[in-house]
Amino acid sequence: MSELDPIIINIPCPTKEEGIRLCTEMLKQELCGTTKIQEGVHLMYVEEGVQGSDIVLLSIKTTKINLEKIHEFILKNHSWGTPCIEVLPMMVDMC
């Protein structure tokens, strides 16, 4: 995989407002080409039983070369201390 290969990064976020702020800033800094905010995602996890909460999911289209900068940006600006940063390779990029 080369540094210019496209990837998708999924990051859960507690509110739409925070998601818009994070995505807007990443676009301004040219860390990504497009972002998508998916509302009504139900996050479930185990902590003294099964719990869940409604969140938004940020889907960020970028290239592998930007991954480290995005990781640093999210850790610095996300309201959760250690949000999940899920990275998926894109096998085909048709746009």
PDB file of N, CA and C in Angstrom:
ATOM      1  N   MET A   1       0.852  -1.178   0.000  1.00  0.00           N
ATOM      2  CA  MET A   1       0.000   0.000   0.000  1.00  0.00           C
ATOM      3  C   MET A   1       0.895   1.238   0.000  1.00  0.00           C
ATOM      4  N   SER A   2       0.669   2.130  -0.946  1.00  0.00           N
ATOM      5  CA  SER A   2       1.474   3.348  -1.015  1.00  0.00           C
ATOM      6  C   SER A   2       0.844   4.457  -0.178  1.00  0.00           C
ATOM      7  N   GLU A   3       1.624   5.495   0.069  1.00  0.00           N
ATOM      8  CA  GLU A   3       1.131   6.615   0.881  1.00  0.00           C
ATOM      9  C   GLU A   3       0.000   7.380   0.202  1.00  0.00           C
ATOM     10  N   LEU A   4      -0.172   7.224  -1.105  1.00  0.00           N
ATOM     11  CA  LEU A   4      -1.231   7.938  -1.821  1.00  0.00           C
ATOM     12  C   LEU A   4      -2.484   7.093  -2.031  1.00  0.00           C
ATOM     13  N   ASP A   5      -2.484   5.856  -1.542  1.00  0.00           N
ATOM     14  CA  ASP A   5      -3.675   5.018  -1.661  1.00  0.00           C
ATOM     15  C   ASP A   5      -4.799   5.595  -0.814  1.00  0.00           C
ATOM     16  N   PRO A   6      -6.034   5.554  -1.329  1.00  0.00           N
ATOM     17  CA  PRO A   6      -7.167   6.111  -0.576  1.00  0.00           C
ATOM     18  C   PRO A   6      -7.560   5.223   0.592  1.00  0.00           C
ATOM     19  N   ILE A   7      -7.979   5.861   1.675  1.00  0.00           N
ATOM     20  CA  ILE A   7      -8.479   5.169   2.861  1.00  0.00           C
ATOM     21  C   ILE A   7      -9.729   5.886   3.365  1.00  0.00           C
ATOM     22  N   ILE A   8     -10.506   5.168   4.133  1.00  0.00           N
ATOM     23  CA  ILE A   8     -11.656   5.736   4.844  1.00  0.00           C
ATOM     24  C   ILE A   8     -11.355   5.628   6.333  1.00  0.00           C
ATOM     25  N   ILE A   9     -11.577   6.706   7.063  1.00  0.00           N
ATOM     26  CA  ILE A   9     -11.393   6.710   8.507  1.00  0.00           C
ATOM     27  C   ILE A   9     -12.757   6.967   9.147  1.00  0.00           C
ATOM     28  N   ASN A  10     -13.177   6.066  10.024  1.00  0.00           N
ATOM     29  CA  ASN A  10     -14.434   6.219  10.763  1.00  0.00           C
ATOM     30  C   ASN A  10     -14.126   6.574  12.204  1.00  0.00           C
ATOM     31  N   ILE A  11     -14.786   7.622  12.692  1.00  0.00           N
ATOM     32  CA  ILE A  11     -14.561   8.086  14.057  1.00  0.00           C
ATOM     33  C   ILE A  11     -15.913   8.410  14.694  1.00  0.00           C
ATOM     34  N   PRO A  12     -16.265   7.762  15.819  1.00  0.00           N
ATOM     35  CA  PRO A  12     -17.496   8.131  16.510  1.00  0.00           C
ATOM     36  C   PRO A  12     -17.323   9.477  17.209  1.00  0.00           C
ATOM     37  N   CYS A  13     -18.432  10.193  17.335  1.00  0.00           N
ATOM     38  CA  CYS A  13     -18.406  11.523  17.916  1.00  0.00           C
ATOM     39  C   CYS A  13     -19.706  11.726  18.706  1.00  0.00           C
ATOM     40  N   PRO A  14     -19.660  12.413  19.847  1.00  0.00           N
ATOM     41  CA  PRO A  14     -20.852  12.511  20.686  1.00  0.00           C
ATOM     42  C   PRO A  14     -21.981  13.378  20.119  1.00  0.00           C
ATOM     43  N   THR A  15     -21.668  14.406  19.328  1.00  0.00           N
ATOM     44  CA  THR A  15     -22.721  15.299  18.821  1.00  0.00           C
ATOM     45  C   THR A  15     -22.463  15.685  17.368  1.00  0.00           C
ATOM     46  N   LYS A  16     -23.532  16.051  16.697  1.00  0.00           N
ATOM     47  CA  LYS A  16     -23.415  16.523  15.317  1.00  0.00           C
ATOM     48  C   LYS A  16     -22.601  17.813  15.260  1.00  0.00           C
ATOM     49  N   GLU A  17     -22.801  18.694  16.223  1.00  0.00           N
ATOM     50  CA  GLU A  17     -22.078  19.971  16.239  1.00  0.00           C
ATOM     51  C   GLU A  17     -20.565  19.747  16.321  1.00  0.00           C
ATOM     52  N   GLU A  18     -20.144  18.837  17.204  1.00  0.00           N
ATOM     53  CA  GLU A  18     -18.720  18.543  17.306  1.00  0.00           C
ATOM     54  C   GLU A  18     -18.208  17.912  16.015  1.00  0.00           C
ATOM     55  N   GLY A  19     -19.001  17.018  15.435  1.00  0.00           N
ATOM     56  CA  GLY A  19     -18.616  16.388  14.172  1.00  0.00           C
ATOM     57  C   GLY A  19     -18.421  17.404  13.062  1.00  0.00           C
ATOM     58  N   ILE A  20     -19.337  18.360  12.959  1.00  0.00           N
ATOM     59  CA  ILE A  20     -19.218  19.407  11.941  1.00  0.00           C
ATOM     60  C   ILE A  20     -17.968  20.239  12.180  1.00  0.00           C
ATOM     61  N   ARG A  21     -17.702  20.575  13.428  1.00  0.00           N
ATOM     62  CA  ARG A  21     -16.509  21.367  13.753  1.00  0.00           C
ATOM     63  C   ARG A  21     -15.234  20.616  13.361  1.00  0.00           C
ATOM     64  N   LEU A  22     -15.150  19.338  13.737  1.00  0.00           N
ATOM     65  CA  LEU A  22     -13.964  18.545  13.423  1.00  0.00           C
ATOM     66  C   LEU A  22     -13.780  18.375  11.912  1.00  0.00           C
ATOM     67  N   CYS A  23     -14.858  18.023  11.217  1.00  0.00           N
ATOM     68  CA  CYS A  23     -14.775  17.815   9.766  1.00  0.00           C
ATOM     69  C   CYS A  23     -14.426  19.106   9.034  1.00  0.00           C
ATOM     70  N   THR A  24     -15.035  20.210   9.434  1.00  0.00           N
ATOM     71  CA  THR A  24     -14.749  21.498   8.802  1.00  0.00           C
ATOM     72  C   THR A  24     -13.274  21.853   8.926  1.00  0.00           C
ATOM     73  N   GLU A  25     -12.717  21.657  10.112  1.00  0.00           N
ATOM     74  CA  GLU A  25     -11.312  21.995  10.321  1.00  0.00           C
ATOM     75  C   GLU A  25     -10.381  21.069   9.532  1.00  0.00           C
ATOM     76  N   MET A  26     -10.702  19.781   9.468  1.00  0.00           N
ATOM     77  CA  MET A  26      -9.867  18.863   8.677  1.00  0.00           C
ATOM     78  C   MET A  26      -9.901  19.215   7.195  1.00  0.00           C
ATOM     79  N   LEU A  27     -11.080  19.619   6.705  1.00  0.00           N
ATOM     80  CA  LEU A  27     -11.179  20.055   5.306  1.00  0.00           C
ATOM     81  C   LEU A  27     -10.376  21.331   5.073  1.00  0.00           C
ATOM     82  N   LYS A  28     -10.464  22.295   6.003  1.00  0.00           N
ATOM     83  CA  LYS A  28      -9.695  23.538   5.882  1.00  0.00           C
ATOM     84  C   LYS A  28      -8.196  23.266   5.848  1.00  0.00           C
ATOM     85  N   GLN A  29      -7.748  22.302   6.661  1.00  0.00           N
ATOM     86  CA  GLN A  29      -6.328  21.956   6.721  1.00  0.00           C
ATOM     87  C   GLN A  29      -5.905  21.018   5.589  1.00  0.00           C
ATOM     88  N   GLU A  30      -6.855  20.680   4.713  1.00  0.00           N
ATOM     89  CA  GLU A  30      -6.620  19.781   3.578  1.00  0.00           C
ATOM     90  C   GLU A  30      -6.083  18.423   4.011  1.00  0.00           C
ATOM     91  N   LEU A  31      -6.611  17.925   5.136  1.00  0.00           N
ATOM     92  CA  LEU A  31      -6.247  16.598   5.611  1.00  0.00           C
ATOM     93  C   LEU A  31      -7.083  15.511   4.952  1.00  0.00           C
ATOM     94  N   CYS A  32      -8.175  15.925   4.293  1.00  0.00           N
ATOM     95  CA  CYS A  32      -9.064  14.958   3.661  1.00  0.00           C
ATOM     96  C   CYS A  32      -9.741  15.598   2.460  1.00  0.00           C
ATOM     97  N   GLY A  33     -10.320  14.728   1.618  1.00  0.00           N
ATOM     98  CA  GLY A  33     -11.022  15.219   0.435  1.00  0.00           C
ATOM     99  C   GLY A  33     -12.504  15.416   0.679  1.00  0.00           C
ATOM    100  N   THR A  34     -13.111  14.477   1.391  1.00  0.00           N
ATOM    101  CA  THR A  34     -14.539  14.573   1.717  1.00  0.00           C
ATOM    102  C   THR A  34     -14.777  14.008   3.110  1.00  0.00           C
ATOM    103  N   THR A  35     -15.888  14.435   3.713  1.00  0.00           N
ATOM    104  CA  THR A  35     -16.312  13.880   4.998  1.00  0.00           C
ATOM    105  C   THR A  35     -17.804  13.612   4.930  1.00  0.00           C
ATOM    106  N   LYS A  36     -18.243  12.693   5.752  1.00  0.00           N
ATOM    107  CA  LYS A  36     -19.659  12.356   5.843  1.00  0.00           C
ATOM    108  C   LYS A  36     -19.993  12.217   7.321  1.00  0.00           C
ATOM    109  N   ILE A  37     -21.102  12.803   7.747  1.00  0.00           N
ATOM    110  CA  ILE A  37     -21.551  12.688   9.127  1.00  0.00           C
ATOM    111  C   ILE A  37     -22.839  11.879   9.131  1.00  0.00           C
ATOM    112  N   GLN A  38     -22.785  10.725   9.767  1.00  0.00           N
ATOM    113  CA  GLN A  38     -23.938   9.831   9.842  1.00  0.00           C
ATOM    114  C   GLN A  38     -24.551   9.957  11.227  1.00  0.00           C
ATOM    115  N   GLU A  39     -25.809  10.397  11.268  1.00  0.00           N
ATOM    116  CA  GLU A  39     -26.491  10.605  12.549  1.00  0.00           C
ATOM    117  C   GLU A  39     -27.235   9.348  12.999  1.00  0.00           C
ATOM    118  N   GLY A  40     -27.568   9.303  14.276  1.00  0.00           N
ATOM    119  CA  GLY A  40     -28.399   8.231  14.814  1.00  0.00           C
ATOM    120  C   GLY A  40     -27.703   6.887  14.915  1.00  0.00           C
ATOM    121  N   VAL A  41     -26.375   6.881  15.023  1.00  0.00           N
ATOM    122  CA  VAL A  41     -25.634   5.639  15.194  1.00  0.00           C
ATOM    123  C   VAL A  41     -25.735   5.238  16.658  1.00  0.00           C
ATOM    124  N   HIS A  42     -26.063   3.982  16.913  1.00  0.00           N
ATOM    125  CA  HIS A  42     -26.214   3.523  18.299  1.00  0.00           C
ATOM    126  C   HIS A  42     -24.941   2.796  18.695  1.00  0.00           C
ATOM    127  N   LEU A  43     -24.149   3.396  19.553  1.00  0.00           N
ATOM    128  CA  LEU A  43     -22.903   2.831  20.047  1.00  0.00           C
ATOM    129  C   LEU A  43     -23.201   1.953  21.260  1.00  0.00           C
ATOM    130  N   MET A  44     -22.719   0.716  21.224  1.00  0.00           N
ATOM    131  CA  MET A  44     -22.908  -0.192  22.357  1.00  0.00           C
ATOM    132  C   MET A  44     -21.544  -0.653  22.847  1.00  0.00           C
ATOM    133  N   TYR A  45     -21.423  -0.814  24.138  1.00  0.00           N
ATOM    134  CA  TYR A  45     -20.178  -1.257  24.728  1.00  0.00           C
ATOM    135  C   TYR A  45     -20.486  -1.931  26.056  1.00  0.00           C
ATOM    136  N   VAL A  46     -19.546  -2.684  26.577  1.00  0.00           N
ATOM    137  CA  VAL A  46     -19.752  -3.388  27.838  1.00  0.00           C
ATOM    138  C   VAL A  46     -18.962  -2.684  28.929  1.00  0.00           C
ATOM    139  N   GLU A  47     -19.689  -2.218  29.920  1.00  0.00           N
ATOM    140  CA  GLU A  47     -19.090  -1.604  31.103  1.00  0.00           C
ATOM    141  C   GLU A  47     -20.137  -1.726  32.198  1.00  0.00           C
ATOM    142  N   GLU A  48     -19.966  -2.710  33.075  1.00  0.00           N
ATOM    143  CA  GLU A  48     -20.976  -3.030  34.078  1.00  0.00           C
ATOM    144  C   GLU A  48     -22.321  -3.284  33.412  1.00  0.00           C
ATOM    145  N   GLY A  49     -22.322  -4.167  32.437  1.00  0.00           N
ATOM    146  CA  GLY A  49     -23.520  -4.476  31.680  1.00  0.00           C
ATOM    147  C   GLY A  49     -23.455  -3.817  30.316  1.00  0.00           C
ATOM    148  N   VAL A  50     -24.430  -4.082  29.478  1.00  0.00           N
ATOM    149  CA  VAL A  50     -24.453  -3.497  28.143  1.00  0.00           C
ATOM    150  C   VAL A  50     -25.129  -2.136  28.203  1.00  0.00           C
ATOM    151  N   GLN A  51     -24.463  -1.152  27.659  1.00  0.00           N
ATOM    152  CA  GLN A  51     -25.008   0.197  27.615  1.00  0.00           C
ATOM    153  C   GLN A  51     -24.910   0.700  26.181  1.00  0.00           C
ATOM    154  N   GLY A  52     -25.524   1.799  25.912  1.00  0.00           N
ATOM    155  CA  GLY A  52     -25.431   2.369  24.580  1.00  0.00           C
ATOM    156  C   GLY A  52     -25.793   3.829  24.598  1.00  0.00           C
ATOM    157  N   SER A  53     -25.439   4.493  23.527  1.00  0.00           N
ATOM    158  CA  SER A  53     -25.806   5.895  23.384  1.00  0.00           C
ATOM    159  C   SER A  53     -25.867   6.230  21.906  1.00  0.00           C
ATOM    160  N   ASP A  54     -26.660   7.226  21.567  1.00  0.00           N
ATOM    161  CA  ASP A  54     -26.745   7.682  20.187  1.00  0.00           C
ATOM    162  C   ASP A  54     -25.642   8.690  19.932  1.00  0.00           C
ATOM    163  N   ILE A  55     -24.932   8.487  18.846  1.00  0.00           N
ATOM    164  CA  ILE A  55     -23.800   9.327  18.481  1.00  0.00           C
ATOM    165  C   ILE A  55     -23.881   9.636  16.994  1.00  0.00           C
ATOM    166  N   VAL A  56     -22.911  10.341  16.497  1.00  0.00           N
ATOM    167  CA  VAL A  56     -22.732  10.491  15.058  1.00  0.00           C
ATOM    168  C   VAL A  56     -21.436   9.774  14.695  1.00  0.00           C
ATOM    169  N   LEU A  57     -21.329   9.356  13.439  1.00  0.00           N
ATOM    170  CA  LEU A  57     -20.130   8.692  12.959  1.00  0.00           C
ATOM    171  C   LEU A  57     -19.547   9.531  11.833  1.00  0.00           C
ATOM    172  N   LEU A  58     -18.294   9.919  11.996  1.00  0.00           N
ATOM    173  CA  LEU A  58     -17.599  10.671  10.958  1.00  0.00           C
ATOM    174  C   LEU A  58     -16.919   9.683  10.030  1.00  0.00           C
ATOM    175  N   SER A  59     -17.155   9.808   8.731  1.00  0.00           N
ATOM    176  CA  SER A  59     -16.460   9.002   7.729  1.00  0.00           C
ATOM    177  C   SER A  59     -15.644   9.961   6.887  1.00  0.00           C
ATOM    178  N   ILE A  60     -14.348   9.759   6.898  1.00  0.00           N
ATOM    179  CA  ILE A  60     -13.412  10.697   6.286  1.00  0.00           C
ATOM    180  C   ILE A  60     -12.675   9.994   5.153  1.00  0.00           C
ATOM    181  N   LYS A  61     -12.741  10.566   3.952  1.00  0.00           N
ATOM    182  CA  LYS A  61     -12.016  10.010   2.810  1.00  0.00           C
ATOM    183  C   LYS A  61     -10.728  10.801   2.638  1.00  0.00           C
ATOM    184  N   THR A  62      -9.616  10.076   2.642  1.00  0.00           N
ATOM    185  CA  THR A  62      -8.315  10.718   2.552  1.00  0.00           C
ATOM    186  C   THR A  62      -7.323   9.745   1.937  1.00  0.00           C
ATOM    187  N   THR A  63      -6.046  10.036   2.062  1.00  0.00           N
ATOM    188  CA  THR A  63      -5.012   9.112   1.622  1.00  0.00           C
ATOM    189  C   THR A  63      -4.153   8.724   2.826  1.00  0.00           C
ATOM    190  N   LYS A  64      -3.465   7.612   2.694  1.00  0.00           N
ATOM    191  CA  LYS A  64      -2.681   7.082   3.803  1.00  0.00           C
ATOM    192  C   LYS A  64      -1.654   8.090   4.327  1.00  0.00           C
ATOM    193  N   ILE A  65      -1.146   8.955   3.472  1.00  0.00           N
ATOM    194  CA  ILE A  65      -0.124   9.919   3.888  1.00  0.00           C
ATOM    195  C   ILE A  65      -0.638  10.874   4.970  1.00  0.00           C
ATOM    196  N   ASN A  66      -1.973  11.108   5.019  1.00  0.00           N
ATOM    197  CA  ASN A  66      -2.562  12.026   5.995  1.00  0.00           C
ATOM    198  C   ASN A  66      -2.957  11.361   7.311  1.00  0.00           C
ATOM    199  N   LEU A  67      -2.826  10.055   7.405  1.00  0.00           N
ATOM    200  CA  LEU A  67      -3.321   9.327   8.571  1.00  0.00           C
ATOM    201  C   LEU A  67      -2.698   9.814   9.881  1.00  0.00           C
ATOM    202  N   GLU A  68      -1.410   9.985   9.932  1.00  0.00           N
ATOM    203  CA  GLU A  68      -0.760  10.415  11.179  1.00  0.00           C
ATOM    204  C   GLU A  68      -1.215  11.810  11.595  1.00  0.00           C
ATOM    205  N   LYS A  69      -1.350  12.730  10.638  1.00  0.00           N
ATOM    206  CA  LYS A  69      -1.800  14.087  10.965  1.00  0.00           C
ATOM    207  C   LYS A  69      -3.246  14.087  11.461  1.00  0.00           C
ATOM    208  N   ILE A  70      -4.090  13.265  10.834  1.00  0.00           N
ATOM    209  CA  ILE A  70      -5.485  13.169  11.278  1.00  0.00           C
ATOM    210  C   ILE A  70      -5.544  12.569  12.679  1.00  0.00           C
ATOM    211  N   HIS A  71      -4.761  11.544  12.919  1.00  0.00           N
ATOM    212  CA  HIS A  71      -4.705  10.922  14.238  1.00  0.00           C
ATOM    213  C   HIS A  71      -4.330  11.961  15.302  1.00  0.00           C
ATOM    214  N   GLU A  72      -3.287  12.737  15.058  1.00  0.00           N
ATOM    215  CA  GLU A  72      -2.860  13.782  15.997  1.00  0.00           C
ATOM    216  C   GLU A  72      -3.951  14.840  16.179  1.00  0.00           C
ATOM    217  N   PHE A  73      -4.585  15.252  15.079  1.00  0.00           N
ATOM    218  CA  PHE A  73      -5.645  16.261  15.145  1.00  0.00           C
ATOM    219  C   PHE A  73      -6.813  15.768  15.996  1.00  0.00           C
ATOM    220  N   ILE A  74      -7.247  14.531  15.765  1.00  0.00           N
ATOM    221  CA  ILE A  74      -8.383  13.986  16.507  1.00  0.00           C
ATOM    222  C   ILE A  74      -8.052  13.859  17.991  1.00  0.00           C
ATOM    223  N   LEU A  75      -6.885  13.343  18.317  1.00  0.00           N
ATOM    224  CA  LEU A  75      -6.521  13.212  19.730  1.00  0.00           C
ATOM    225  C   LEU A  75      -6.464  14.571  20.430  1.00  0.00           C
ATOM    226  N   LYS A  76      -6.090  15.610  19.713  1.00  0.00           N
ATOM    227  CA  LYS A  76      -5.990  16.953  20.298  1.00  0.00           C
ATOM    228  C   LYS A  76      -7.358  17.647  20.395  1.00  0.00           C
ATOM    229  N   ASN A  77      -8.270  17.387  19.446  1.00  0.00           N
ATOM    230  CA  ASN A  77      -9.497  18.180  19.334  1.00  0.00           C
ATOM    231  C   ASN A  77     -10.801  17.448  19.651  1.00  0.00           C
ATOM    232  N   HIS A  78     -10.785  16.140  19.760  1.00  0.00           N
ATOM    233  CA  HIS A  78     -12.000  15.364  20.045  1.00  0.00           C
ATOM    234  C   HIS A  78     -12.309  15.464  21.533  1.00  0.00           C
ATOM    235  N   SER A  79     -13.590  15.534  21.886  1.00  0.00           N
ATOM    236  CA  SER A  79     -13.967  15.685  23.299  1.00  0.00           C
ATOM    237  C   SER A  79     -13.762  14.407  24.111  1.00  0.00           C
ATOM    238  N   TRP A  80     -13.683  13.254  23.465  1.00  0.00           N
ATOM    239  CA  TRP A  80     -13.389  12.019  24.174  1.00  0.00           C
ATOM    240  C   TRP A  80     -11.878  11.874  24.271  1.00  0.00           C
ATOM    241  N   GLY A  81     -11.393  11.366  25.369  1.00  0.00           N
ATOM    242  CA  GLY A  81      -9.957  11.211  25.580  1.00  0.00           C
ATOM    243  C   GLY A  81      -9.274  10.329  24.556  1.00  0.00           C
ATOM    244  N   THR A  82      -9.862   9.184  24.255  1.00  0.00           N
ATOM    245  CA  THR A  82      -9.282   8.264  23.277  1.00  0.00           C
ATOM    246  C   THR A  82     -10.386   7.705  22.381  1.00  0.00           C
ATOM    247  N   PRO A  83     -10.830   8.482  21.400  1.00  0.00           N
ATOM    248  CA  PRO A  83     -11.881   7.993  20.504  1.00  0.00           C
ATOM    249  C   PRO A  83     -11.340   6.888  19.599  1.00  0.00           C
ATOM    250  N   CYS A  84     -12.217   6.014  19.187  1.00  0.00           N
ATOM    251  CA  CYS A  84     -11.854   4.971  18.232  1.00  0.00           C
ATOM    252  C   CYS A  84     -11.560   5.623  16.879  1.00  0.00           C
ATOM    253  N   ILE A  85     -10.452   5.253  16.278  1.00  0.00           N
ATOM    254  CA  ILE A  85     -10.104   5.738  14.942  1.00  0.00           C
ATOM    255  C   ILE A  85      -9.932   4.500  14.072  1.00  0.00           C
ATOM    256  N   GLU A  86     -10.973   4.180  13.314  1.00  0.00           N
ATOM    257  CA  GLU A  86     -11.009   2.966  12.496  1.00  0.00           C
ATOM    258  C   GLU A  86     -10.564   3.319  11.079  1.00  0.00           C
ATOM    259  N   VAL A  87      -9.559   2.617  10.579  1.00  0.00           N
ATOM    260  CA  VAL A  87      -9.004   2.908   9.261  1.00  0.00           C
ATOM    261  C   VAL A  87      -9.276   1.722   8.333  1.00  0.00           C
ATOM    262  N   LEU A  88      -9.890   2.022   7.177  1.00  0.00           N
ATOM    263  CA  LEU A  88     -10.233   0.989   6.197  1.00  0.00           C
ATOM    264  C   LEU A  88      -9.602   1.326   4.843  1.00  0.00           C
ATOM    265  N   PRO A  89      -8.966   0.355   4.208  1.00  0.00           N
ATOM    266  CA  PRO A  89      -8.441   0.616   2.871  1.00  0.00           C
ATOM    267  C   PRO A  89      -9.591   0.671   1.865  1.00  0.00           C
ATOM    268  N   MET A  90      -9.445   1.482   0.850  1.00  0.00           N
ATOM    269  CA  MET A  90     -10.410   1.521  -0.246  1.00  0.00           C
ATOM    270  C   MET A  90      -9.815   0.710  -1.385  1.00  0.00           C
ATOM    271  N   MET A  91     -10.487  -0.343  -1.754  1.00  0.00           N
ATOM    272  CA  MET A  91      -9.967  -1.218  -2.805  1.00  0.00           C
ATOM    273  C   MET A  91     -10.118  -0.567  -4.179  1.00  0.00           C
ATOM    274  N   VAL A  92     -11.205   0.177  -4.374  1.00  0.00           N
ATOM    275  CA  VAL A  92     -11.460   0.861  -5.646  1.00  0.00           C
ATOM    276  C   VAL A  92     -11.978   2.251  -5.333  1.00  0.00           C
ATOM    277  N   ASP A  93     -11.412   3.260  -5.948  1.00  0.00           N
ATOM    278  CA  ASP A  93     -11.870   4.644  -5.785  1.00  0.00           C
ATOM    279  C   ASP A  93     -12.341   5.122  -7.152  1.00  0.00           C
ATOM    280  N   MET A  94     -13.649   5.208  -7.322  1.00  0.00           N
ATOM    281  CA  MET A  94     -14.215   5.556  -8.629  1.00  0.00           C
ATOM    282  C   MET A  94     -14.510   7.043  -8.779  1.00  0.00           C
ATOM    283  N   CYS A  95     -14.122   7.867  -7.786  1.00  0.00           N
ATOM    284  CA  CYS A  95     -14.419   9.293  -7.913  1.00  0.00           C
ATOM    285  C   CYS A  95     -13.215  10.131  -7.617  1.00  0.00           C
TER     286      CYS A  95
END
